């Protein structure tokens, strides 16, 4: 709403040339910010693979890089990243909080093609705490 009202200022004309110039610069800045916001939203959109009540698995928004899936934990309106799983295209998953693991059913890259299968992977990096 603010961006639209900022863009509307462009069409308001006053008697003083200085005020007209400032209002046009203000409106132009809002137009640029609106375009930048649309581009940023498009580039950072993460498609959802699958979801449970507590976790959500999304496809990362990367231009260059390995295919992976990102596990987020839902905390109210926030989504906190828990773990990244490389070379996975999940169809469904089951988190096992009691043992700190996740069972992922989906397609797994084997280098040339993808294989359909099931994998049991760590839920997060908490199993590595003793190593550091």
C-alpha atoms as a PDB file:
ATOM      1  CA  UNK A   1       0.000   0.000   0.000  1.00  0.00           C
ATOM      2  CA  UNK A   2       2.836   2.372   0.850  1.00  0.00           C
ATOM      3  CA  UNK A   3       4.552   1.612  -2.445  1.00  0.00           C
ATOM      4  CA  UNK A   4       1.362   2.372  -4.380  1.00  0.00           C
ATOM      5  CA  UNK A   5       0.851   5.669  -2.582  1.00  0.00           C
ATOM      6  CA  UNK A   6       4.527   6.500  -3.165  1.00  0.00           C
ATOM      7  CA  UNK A   7       4.103   5.823  -6.882  1.00  0.00           C
ATOM      8  CA  UNK A   8       0.916   7.933  -6.964  1.00  0.00           C
ATOM      9  CA  UNK A   9       2.914  10.956  -5.759  1.00  0.00           C
ATOM     10  CA  UNK A  10       4.433  11.067  -9.251  1.00  0.00           C
ATOM     11  CA  UNK A  11       1.130  12.329 -10.659  1.00  0.00           C
ATOM     12  CA  UNK A  12       0.592  15.068  -8.053  1.00  0.00           C
ATOM     13  CA  UNK A  13       1.537  18.490  -9.353  1.00  0.00           C
ATOM     14  CA  UNK A  14       2.191  21.583  -7.297  1.00  0.00           C
ATOM     15  CA  UNK A  15       2.901  25.217  -8.114  1.00  0.00           C
ATOM     16  CA  UNK A  16       6.540  25.096  -7.062  1.00  0.00           C
ATOM     17  CA  UNK A  17       9.063  23.416  -9.326  1.00  0.00           C
ATOM     18  CA  UNK A  18      11.251  22.276  -6.399  1.00  0.00           C
ATOM     19  CA  UNK A  19       8.383  20.350  -4.777  1.00  0.00           C
ATOM     20  CA  UNK A  20       7.480  18.735  -8.110  1.00  0.00           C
ATOM     21  CA  UNK A  21      11.070  17.564  -8.586  1.00  0.00           C
ATOM     22  CA  UNK A  22      11.323  16.151  -5.063  1.00  0.00           C
ATOM     23  CA  UNK A  23       7.971  14.353  -5.388  1.00  0.00           C
ATOM     24  CA  UNK A  24       9.035  12.792  -8.704  1.00  0.00           C
ATOM     25  CA  UNK A  25      12.325  11.595  -7.212  1.00  0.00           C
ATOM     26  CA  UNK A  26      10.405  10.153  -4.238  1.00  0.00           C
ATOM     27  CA  UNK A  27       7.969   8.348  -6.550  1.00  0.00           C
ATOM     28  CA  UNK A  28      10.795   7.076  -8.759  1.00  0.00           C
ATOM     29  CA  UNK A  29      12.538   5.606  -5.688  1.00  0.00           C
ATOM     30  CA  UNK A  30       9.331   3.798  -4.692  1.00  0.00           C
ATOM     31  CA  UNK A  31       8.985   2.383  -8.197  1.00  0.00           C
ATOM     32  CA  UNK A  32      12.576   1.092  -8.056  1.00  0.00           C
ATOM     33  CA  UNK A  33      12.021  -0.401  -4.582  1.00  0.00           C
ATOM     34  CA  UNK A  34       8.842  -2.126  -5.778  1.00  0.00           C
ATOM     35  CA  UNK A  35      10.627  -3.663  -8.761  1.00  0.00           C
ATOM     36  CA  UNK A  36      13.558  -4.733  -6.553  1.00  0.00           C
ATOM     37  CA  UNK A  37      11.118  -6.319  -4.082  1.00  0.00           C
ATOM     38  CA  UNK A  38       9.399  -8.309  -6.815  1.00  0.00           C
ATOM     39  CA  UNK A  39      12.742  -9.546  -8.171  1.00  0.00           C
ATOM     40  CA  UNK A  40      13.980 -10.424  -4.654  1.00  0.00           C
ATOM     41  CA  UNK A  41      10.780 -12.359  -3.918  1.00  0.00           C
ATOM     42  CA  UNK A  42      11.063 -14.248  -7.202  1.00  0.00           C
ATOM     43  CA  UNK A  43      14.718 -15.194  -6.612  1.00  0.00           C
ATOM     44  CA  UNK A  44      14.308 -16.254  -2.975  1.00  0.00           C
ATOM     45  CA  UNK A  45      11.076 -18.253  -3.299  1.00  0.00           C
ATOM     46  CA  UNK A  46      11.520 -21.805  -1.985  1.00  0.00           C
ATOM     47  CA  UNK A  47       9.156 -24.439  -3.348  1.00  0.00           C
ATOM     48  CA  UNK A  48       7.808 -26.814  -0.696  1.00  0.00           C
ATOM     49  CA  UNK A  49       8.502 -30.536  -1.196  1.00  0.00           C
ATOM     50  CA  UNK A  50       6.513 -31.823   1.785  1.00  0.00           C
ATOM     51  CA  UNK A  51       5.458 -30.794   5.270  1.00  0.00           C
ATOM     52  CA  UNK A  52       4.416 -32.095   8.712  1.00  0.00           C
ATOM     53  CA  UNK A  53       3.004 -30.257  11.752  1.00  0.00           C
ATOM     54  CA  UNK A  54       6.482 -29.490  13.128  1.00  0.00           C
ATOM     55  CA  UNK A  55       8.782 -29.592  10.072  1.00  0.00           C
ATOM     56  CA  UNK A  56       8.772 -28.436   6.475  1.00  0.00           C
ATOM     57  CA  UNK A  57      11.097 -29.565   3.679  1.00  0.00           C
ATOM     58  CA  UNK A  58      11.776 -27.038   0.914  1.00  0.00           C
ATOM     59  CA  UNK A  59      13.735 -26.853  -2.297  1.00  0.00           C
ATOM     60  CA  UNK A  60      16.511 -24.226  -2.029  1.00  0.00           C
ATOM     61  CA  UNK A  61      16.445 -21.165  -4.253  1.00  0.00           C
ATOM     62  CA  UNK A  62      19.890 -21.396  -5.818  1.00  0.00           C
ATOM     63  CA  UNK A  63      21.028 -20.594  -9.317  1.00  0.00           C
ATOM     64  CA  UNK A  64      24.277 -22.567  -9.220  1.00  0.00           C
ATOM     65  CA  UNK A  65      24.926 -25.440  -6.842  1.00  0.00           C
ATOM     66  CA  UNK A  66      24.006 -28.983  -5.938  1.00  0.00           C
ATOM     67  CA  UNK A  67      20.416 -30.137  -5.776  1.00  0.00           C
ATOM     68  CA  UNK A  68      19.396 -30.430  -2.186  1.00  0.00           C
ATOM     69  CA  UNK A  69      16.520 -30.187   0.226  1.00  0.00           C
ATOM     70  CA  UNK A  70      16.416 -28.017   3.331  1.00  0.00           C
ATOM     71  CA  UNK A  71      14.658 -29.088   6.524  1.00  0.00           C
ATOM     72  CA  UNK A  72      13.068 -26.241   8.494  1.00  0.00           C
ATOM     73  CA  UNK A  73      11.542 -26.437  11.955  1.00  0.00           C
ATOM     74  CA  UNK A  74       8.340 -24.442  12.382  1.00  0.00           C
ATOM     75  CA  UNK A  75       8.390 -22.080  15.356  1.00  0.00           C
ATOM     76  CA  UNK A  76       5.210 -20.032  15.133  1.00  0.00           C
ATOM     77  CA  UNK A  77       5.532 -17.799  12.088  1.00  0.00           C
ATOM     78  CA  UNK A  78       9.275 -18.467  11.798  1.00  0.00           C
ATOM     79  CA  UNK A  79      10.940 -21.324   9.960  1.00  0.00           C
ATOM     80  CA  UNK A  80      14.354 -22.174  11.411  1.00  0.00           C
ATOM     81  CA  UNK A  81      16.768 -24.117   9.199  1.00  0.00           C
ATOM     82  CA  UNK A  82      17.784 -27.423  10.806  1.00  0.00           C
ATOM     83  CA  UNK A  83      19.691 -29.350   8.130  1.00  0.00           C
ATOM     84  CA  UNK A  84      20.538 -29.478   4.423  1.00  0.00           C
ATOM     85  CA  UNK A  85      20.372 -32.792   2.594  1.00  0.00           C
ATOM     86  CA  UNK A  86      22.364 -32.989  -0.655  1.00  0.00           C
ATOM     87  CA  UNK A  87      21.252 -34.929  -3.733  1.00  0.00           C
ATOM     88  CA  UNK A  88      17.738 -35.564  -2.359  1.00  0.00           C
ATOM     89  CA  UNK A  89      14.344 -34.888  -3.941  1.00  0.00           C
ATOM     90  CA  UNK A  90      11.952 -35.928  -1.146  1.00  0.00           C
ATOM     91  CA  UNK A  91       8.407 -37.112  -1.754  1.00  0.00           C
ATOM     92  CA  UNK A  92       7.651 -37.578   1.942  1.00  0.00           C
ATOM     93  CA  UNK A  93       9.508 -37.702   5.235  1.00  0.00           C
ATOM     94  CA  UNK A  94       9.003 -38.832   8.804  1.00  0.00           C
ATOM     95  CA  UNK A  95      10.988 -37.117  11.565  1.00  0.00           C
ATOM     96  CA  UNK A  96      11.955 -39.330  14.504  1.00  0.00           C
ATOM     97  CA  UNK A  97      12.729 -36.778  17.227  1.00  0.00           C
ATOM     98  CA  UNK A  98      13.308 -39.436  19.881  1.00  0.00           C
ATOM     99  CA  UNK A  99      16.416 -40.795  18.115  1.00  0.00           C
ATOM    100  CA  UNK A 100      17.385 -37.621  16.221  1.00  0.00           C
ATOM    101  CA  UNK A 101      16.829 -39.077  12.762  1.00  0.00           C
ATOM    102  CA  UNK A 102      14.646 -38.473   9.744  1.00  0.00           C
ATOM    103  CA  UNK A 103      13.349 -41.056   7.282  1.00  0.00           C
ATOM    104  CA  UNK A 104      13.168 -39.609   3.770  1.00  0.00           C
ATOM    105  CA  UNK A 105      11.345 -41.311   0.909  1.00  0.00           C
ATOM    106  CA  UNK A 106      12.120 -39.840  -2.497  1.00  0.00           C
ATOM    107  CA  UNK A 107      14.502 -39.674  -5.426  1.00  0.00           C
ATOM    108  CA  UNK A 108      18.241 -39.767  -4.741  1.00  0.00           C
ATOM    109  CA  UNK A 109      20.861 -38.696  -7.287  1.00  0.00           C
ATOM    110  CA  UNK A 110      23.456 -41.355  -8.074  1.00  0.00           C
ATOM    111  CA  UNK A 111      25.566 -39.262 -10.449  1.00  0.00           C
ATOM    112  CA  UNK A 112      23.819 -39.891 -13.753  1.00  0.00           C
ATOM    113  CA  UNK A 113      20.189 -40.610 -12.910  1.00  0.00           C
ATOM    114  CA  UNK A 114      17.953 -40.687  -9.874  1.00  0.00           C
ATOM    115  CA  UNK A 115      16.949 -43.757  -7.882  1.00  0.00           C
ATOM    116  CA  UNK A 116      13.732 -44.082  -5.941  1.00  0.00           C
ATOM    117  CA  UNK A 117      14.379 -45.129  -2.360  1.00  0.00           C
ATOM    118  CA  UNK A 118      14.374 -44.552   1.381  1.00  0.00           C
ATOM    119  CA  UNK A 119      17.172 -43.113   3.516  1.00  0.00           C
ATOM    120  CA  UNK A 120      17.605 -42.621   7.247  1.00  0.00           C
ATOM    121  CA  UNK A 121      19.592 -39.442   7.859  1.00  0.00           C
ATOM    122  CA  UNK A 122      20.426 -37.300  10.915  1.00  0.00           C
ATOM    123  CA  UNK A 123      17.777 -34.767  11.894  1.00  0.00           C
ATOM    124  CA  UNK A 124      20.400 -32.134  12.729  1.00  0.00           C
ATOM    125  CA  UNK A 125      24.083 -31.801  13.668  1.00  0.00           C
ATOM    126  CA  UNK A 126      23.556 -32.555  17.376  1.00  0.00           C
ATOM    127  CA  UNK A 127      25.168 -36.007  17.030  1.00  0.00           C
ATOM    128  CA  UNK A 128      28.494 -34.274  16.155  1.00  0.00           C
ATOM    129  CA  UNK A 129      28.678 -32.140  19.321  1.00  0.00           C
ATOM    130  CA  UNK A 130      31.108 -34.515  21.072  1.00  0.00           C
ATOM    131  CA  UNK A 131      33.616 -34.298  18.189  1.00  0.00           C
ATOM    132  CA  UNK A 132      34.256 -30.565  18.602  1.00  0.00           C
END
